[in-house]
Protein backbone atom coordinates (compact mmCIF):
# COMPACT_ATOMS: atom_id res chain seq x y z
CA MET A 1 94.42 109.36 134.64
CA ILE A 2 91.80 108.00 132.25
CA ILE A 3 93.06 110.27 129.47
CA LEU A 4 96.63 109.15 130.14
CA GLY A 5 95.47 105.55 129.93
CA VAL A 6 93.71 106.27 126.63
CA LEU A 7 96.88 107.83 125.19
CA LEU A 8 99.06 104.90 126.25
CA ILE A 9 96.57 102.38 124.83
CA ALA A 10 96.32 104.26 121.52
CA TRP A 11 100.12 104.36 121.23
CA VAL A 12 100.44 100.64 122.03
CA GLY A 13 97.86 99.94 119.33
CA ALA A 14 99.77 102.11 116.85
CA LEU A 15 103.00 100.27 117.69
CA THR A 16 101.24 96.93 117.15
CA ARG A 17 100.01 98.07 113.74
CA THR A 18 103.44 99.39 112.76
CA VAL A 19 105.28 96.20 113.70
CA PHE A 20 102.78 93.54 112.57
CA GLY A 21 100.75 95.47 110.01
CA PHE A 22 97.45 94.71 111.76
CA GLY A 23 95.82 94.07 115.13
CA GLU A 24 95.69 97.53 116.71
CA ALA A 25 91.94 97.41 117.30
CA LEU A 26 92.13 93.93 118.84
CA VAL A 27 94.64 95.32 121.34
CA SER A 28 93.22 98.79 121.91
CA MET A 29 89.44 98.32 122.00
CA PRO A 30 89.30 95.76 124.88
CA LEU A 31 91.75 97.86 126.92
CA LEU A 32 89.74 101.05 126.34
CA ALA A 33 86.59 99.22 127.42
CA LEU A 34 88.45 97.95 130.49
CA ILE A 35 89.18 101.48 131.71
CA GLY A 36 85.60 102.54 131.01
CA PHE A 37 86.25 104.89 128.07
CA ASP A 38 83.21 105.76 125.95
CA LEU A 39 82.62 103.13 123.22
CA GLN A 40 81.70 105.50 120.40
CA THR A 41 84.64 107.78 121.13
CA SER A 42 86.96 104.75 121.36
CA THR A 43 85.73 103.47 117.99
CA ALA A 44 86.22 106.84 116.30
CA LEU A 45 89.62 107.39 117.92
CA ILE A 46 91.09 103.99 117.01
CA GLY A 47 89.71 104.28 113.47
CA ALA A 48 91.40 107.65 113.03
CA VAL A 49 94.69 106.50 114.58
CA GLY A 50 94.71 103.48 112.26
CA LEU A 51 94.28 105.77 109.27
CA LEU A 52 97.08 108.08 110.45
CA VAL A 53 99.43 105.11 110.88
CA ALA A 54 98.49 103.56 107.53
CA LEU A 55 99.22 106.69 105.47
CA PRO A 56 102.99 107.03 106.12
CA ALA A 57 103.37 103.24 106.22
CA THR A 58 101.81 102.93 102.76
CA ILE A 59 104.15 105.62 101.40
CA ARG A 60 107.14 103.94 103.05
CA GLU A 61 106.26 100.46 101.70
CA TRP A 62 105.15 101.75 98.30
CA HIS A 63 107.49 99.54 96.25
CA HIS A 64 106.36 96.35 98.00
CA ILE A 65 102.62 96.82 97.41
CA ASP A 66 100.75 94.60 94.95
CA PHE A 67 98.23 97.25 93.90
CA LYS A 68 96.11 94.84 91.88
CA ALA A 69 95.71 92.60 94.92
CA VAL A 70 94.86 95.63 97.07
CA ARG A 71 92.24 96.76 94.57
CA ARG A 72 90.59 93.33 94.65
CA LEU A 73 90.70 93.20 98.45
CA VAL A 74 89.15 96.66 98.78
CA THR A 75 86.45 95.82 96.22
CA GLY A 76 85.56 92.75 98.23
CA SER A 77 85.54 94.79 101.44
CA LEU A 78 82.94 97.16 99.98
CA ILE A 79 80.69 94.16 99.44
CA GLY A 80 81.45 92.75 102.88
CA VAL A 81 80.65 95.87 104.91
CA PRO A 82 76.83 95.58 104.63
CA LEU A 83 77.12 91.83 105.26
CA GLY A 84 78.84 92.65 108.55
CA ILE A 85 75.87 94.78 109.58
CA LEU A 86 73.61 91.82 108.81
CA VAL A 87 75.83 89.53 110.88
CA ILE A 88 75.52 91.89 113.86
CA LYS A 89 71.73 91.73 113.65
CA LYS A 90 71.35 88.00 113.01
CA VAL A 91 74.25 86.16 114.70
CA PRO A 92 75.25 86.41 118.40
CA ALA A 93 78.62 88.14 118.67
CA ALA A 94 80.00 85.49 121.02
CA ILE A 95 79.57 82.77 118.40
CA VAL A 96 81.45 84.70 115.70
CA LEU A 97 84.23 86.03 117.94
CA HIS A 98 84.84 82.75 119.76
CA GLY A 99 84.83 80.83 116.48
CA LEU A 100 87.29 83.26 114.91
CA GLY A 101 89.43 83.20 118.06
CA ILE A 102 89.60 79.38 118.04
CA PHE A 103 90.55 79.40 114.37
CA LEU A 104 93.33 81.97 114.88
CA ILE A 105 94.78 80.10 117.84
CA ALA A 106 94.73 76.77 115.99
CA TYR A 107 96.10 78.25 112.76
CA GLY A 108 98.80 80.22 114.58
CA ILE A 109 99.97 77.19 116.58
CA TYR A 110 100.02 74.95 113.52
CA SER A 111 101.88 77.53 111.43
CA LEU A 112 104.42 78.16 114.18
CA TRP A 113 105.05 74.43 114.57
CA HIS A 114 105.37 74.09 110.80
CA SER A 115 107.85 76.97 110.57
CA PHE A 116 110.00 75.74 113.45
CA SER A 117 110.08 72.24 111.98
CA GLY A 118 111.90 73.64 108.95
CA ARG A 119 109.21 72.65 106.47
CA VAL A 120 108.46 75.13 103.72
CA GLY A 121 104.88 74.75 102.59
CA ARG A 122 103.73 75.66 99.13
CA PRO A 123 101.60 78.77 98.54
CA HIS A 124 97.83 78.28 98.70
CA LEU A 125 94.80 80.16 97.33
CA GLN A 126 96.60 81.58 94.31
CA ALA A 127 93.52 82.31 92.17
CA GLN A 128 92.62 86.01 92.02
CA GLY A 129 89.06 85.25 93.11
CA TYR A 130 90.31 84.52 96.61
CA ASP A 131 91.38 88.18 96.89
CA TYR A 132 87.74 89.23 96.52
CA LEU A 133 86.55 86.55 98.95
CA THR A 134 89.11 87.64 101.55
CA GLY A 135 88.06 91.25 101.05
CA ILE A 136 84.41 90.33 101.62
CA ILE A 137 85.27 88.53 104.88
CA SER A 138 87.51 91.44 105.89
CA GLY A 139 84.79 94.01 105.23
CA ALA A 140 82.20 91.97 107.13
CA LEU A 141 84.42 91.46 110.20
CA GLY A 142 85.57 95.07 110.02
CA SER A 143 82.10 96.62 110.00
CA ALA A 144 80.81 94.15 112.58
CA TYR A 145 83.72 93.80 115.02
CA ASN A 146 86.52 96.13 113.85
CA SER A 147 88.64 93.07 112.95
CA HIS A 148 89.18 93.62 109.22
CA GLY A 149 92.94 93.05 109.32
CA VAL A 150 92.83 89.46 110.59
CA PRO A 151 91.46 87.78 107.41
CA VAL A 152 93.98 89.59 105.20
CA ALA A 153 96.86 88.63 107.50
CA VAL A 154 95.84 84.95 107.49
CA TYR A 155 95.34 85.05 103.73
CA GLY A 156 98.76 86.59 103.19
CA THR A 157 100.46 83.85 105.19
CA LEU A 158 98.61 81.19 103.18
CA LYS A 159 99.84 82.81 99.96
CA LYS A 160 103.37 82.89 101.42
CA TRP A 161 103.76 86.64 101.11
CA SER A 162 106.96 87.84 102.72
CA ALA A 163 106.59 89.70 106.02
CA GLN A 164 107.46 92.98 104.27
CA GLN A 165 104.99 92.37 101.44
CA LEU A 166 102.31 91.38 103.95
CA ARG A 167 102.79 94.59 105.95
CA ALA A 168 102.76 96.69 102.78
CA ILE A 169 99.54 95.18 101.41
CA LEU A 170 97.87 95.34 104.82
CA GLN A 171 98.71 99.04 105.22
CA ALA A 172 97.53 99.94 101.70
CA HIS A 173 94.32 98.01 102.30
CA PHE A 174 93.85 99.75 105.65
CA LEU A 175 94.42 103.14 104.08
CA CYS A 176 91.61 102.64 101.59
CA VAL A 177 89.23 100.99 104.03
CA GLY A 178 90.23 103.39 106.82
CA ILE A 179 89.01 106.41 104.85
CA LEU A 180 85.60 104.74 104.54
CA VAL A 181 85.62 103.77 108.22
CA VAL A 182 86.41 107.28 109.45
CA ALA A 183 83.80 108.74 107.09
CA SER A 184 81.19 106.29 108.39
CA HIS A 185 82.07 107.16 112.00
CA LEU A 186 81.65 110.85 111.16
CA ALA A 187 78.29 110.19 109.49
CA ALA A 188 77.15 108.09 112.46
CA GLY A 189 77.90 110.93 114.88
CA PHE A 190 80.75 109.17 116.71
CA TRP A 191 82.95 112.26 116.59
CA SER A 192 82.72 115.00 119.18
CA ILE A 193 84.87 117.84 120.50
CA ASP A 194 86.17 115.51 123.22
CA ALA A 195 87.19 112.91 120.62
CA LEU A 196 89.03 115.54 118.58
CA GLU A 197 90.85 116.78 121.69
CA VAL A 198 92.00 113.26 122.56
CA LEU A 199 93.12 112.66 118.96
CA ALA A 200 95.13 115.90 119.08
CA MET A 201 96.91 114.59 122.16
CA VAL A 202 97.57 111.20 120.55
CA ILE A 203 99.18 112.56 117.37
CA PRO A 204 102.45 113.89 118.90
CA GLY A 205 103.12 110.47 120.43
CA LEU A 206 102.66 108.85 117.01
CA LEU A 207 105.65 110.84 115.80
CA VAL A 208 107.72 108.78 118.24
CA VAL A 209 105.86 105.45 118.25
CA VAL A 210 105.71 104.92 114.49
CA PRO A 211 109.45 105.56 113.82
CA PHE A 212 110.27 103.34 116.81
CA GLY A 213 108.10 100.59 115.32
CA ASN A 214 109.84 100.96 111.97
CA TRP A 215 113.20 100.77 113.76
CA LEU A 216 112.15 97.49 115.37
CA VAL A 217 110.91 96.06 112.08
CA ALA A 218 114.19 96.90 110.33
CA ARG A 219 116.07 94.81 112.90
CA ILE A 220 113.91 91.70 112.67
CA ALA A 221 115.08 89.02 110.23
CA PRO A 222 112.40 88.14 107.61
CA GLU A 223 112.17 84.49 108.67
CA ARG A 224 111.68 85.58 112.29
CA ALA A 225 109.19 88.29 111.33
CA ILE A 226 106.74 85.81 109.82
CA LYS A 227 106.97 83.68 112.98
CA LEU A 228 106.10 86.79 114.99
CA VAL A 229 103.03 87.22 112.78
CA TYR A 230 101.96 83.66 113.62
CA GLY A 231 102.51 84.41 117.30
CA ALA A 232 100.47 87.60 116.98
CA LEU A 233 97.60 85.62 115.46
CA ILE A 234 97.58 83.37 118.53
CA ILE A 235 97.54 86.37 120.87
CA PHE A 236 94.81 88.10 118.88
CA GLY A 237 92.81 84.86 118.87
CA ILE A 238 92.98 84.80 122.67
CA LEU A 239 91.87 88.46 122.77
CA LEU A 240 88.92 87.65 120.53
CA MET A 241 87.93 84.78 122.84
CA THR A 242 87.74 87.26 125.73
CA LYS A 243 86.44 90.32 123.79
């Protein structure tokens, strides 16, 4: 029953990533902890699933990717990863996660209200330097709390990227960072025969979940899709508050 629960959670996380472009770890990791699944195996499994989802998504969204922006984000992430390790050692996790959760809830509510009011805000943070800064924050939160997608998602909404462009850039960013994440998990000894067996059971379900997610995305109007992203930020903020 535990293995069945793990499979269902991994597939729900993959569906979340496919539809919104981010957030699978924020959904999957607390649920895996709730059913008592091993933390190291959970971390390795969700990292690998994220990479497997990002690869076909990046190929599918190839024409919507701003590769220069992705390069800057990934460069910043490389700088941010060791900072995340420092954050783990120096700052209580509750302070960081609760603070980030409060910010996401407030930002998501404000953005939803703004979008429903019919107001179209102007793009913010247009200088290229903000790409590096966002990447640094993403790398730090990713290495510390497996939450590297949240800063990029918020940043994309501030820059007024379309929902399709946001998903494309997020997936390309995840693909690059995901390779490093999986390699670091392997080097840290997170992988075992049991983890590989569970991953082998997860993969067939991805062949159904990912196309289903793409089918859902294709039937969501762009203006509604960005509102769903704001709603997802609120939900993920709540999850962070209780993580």
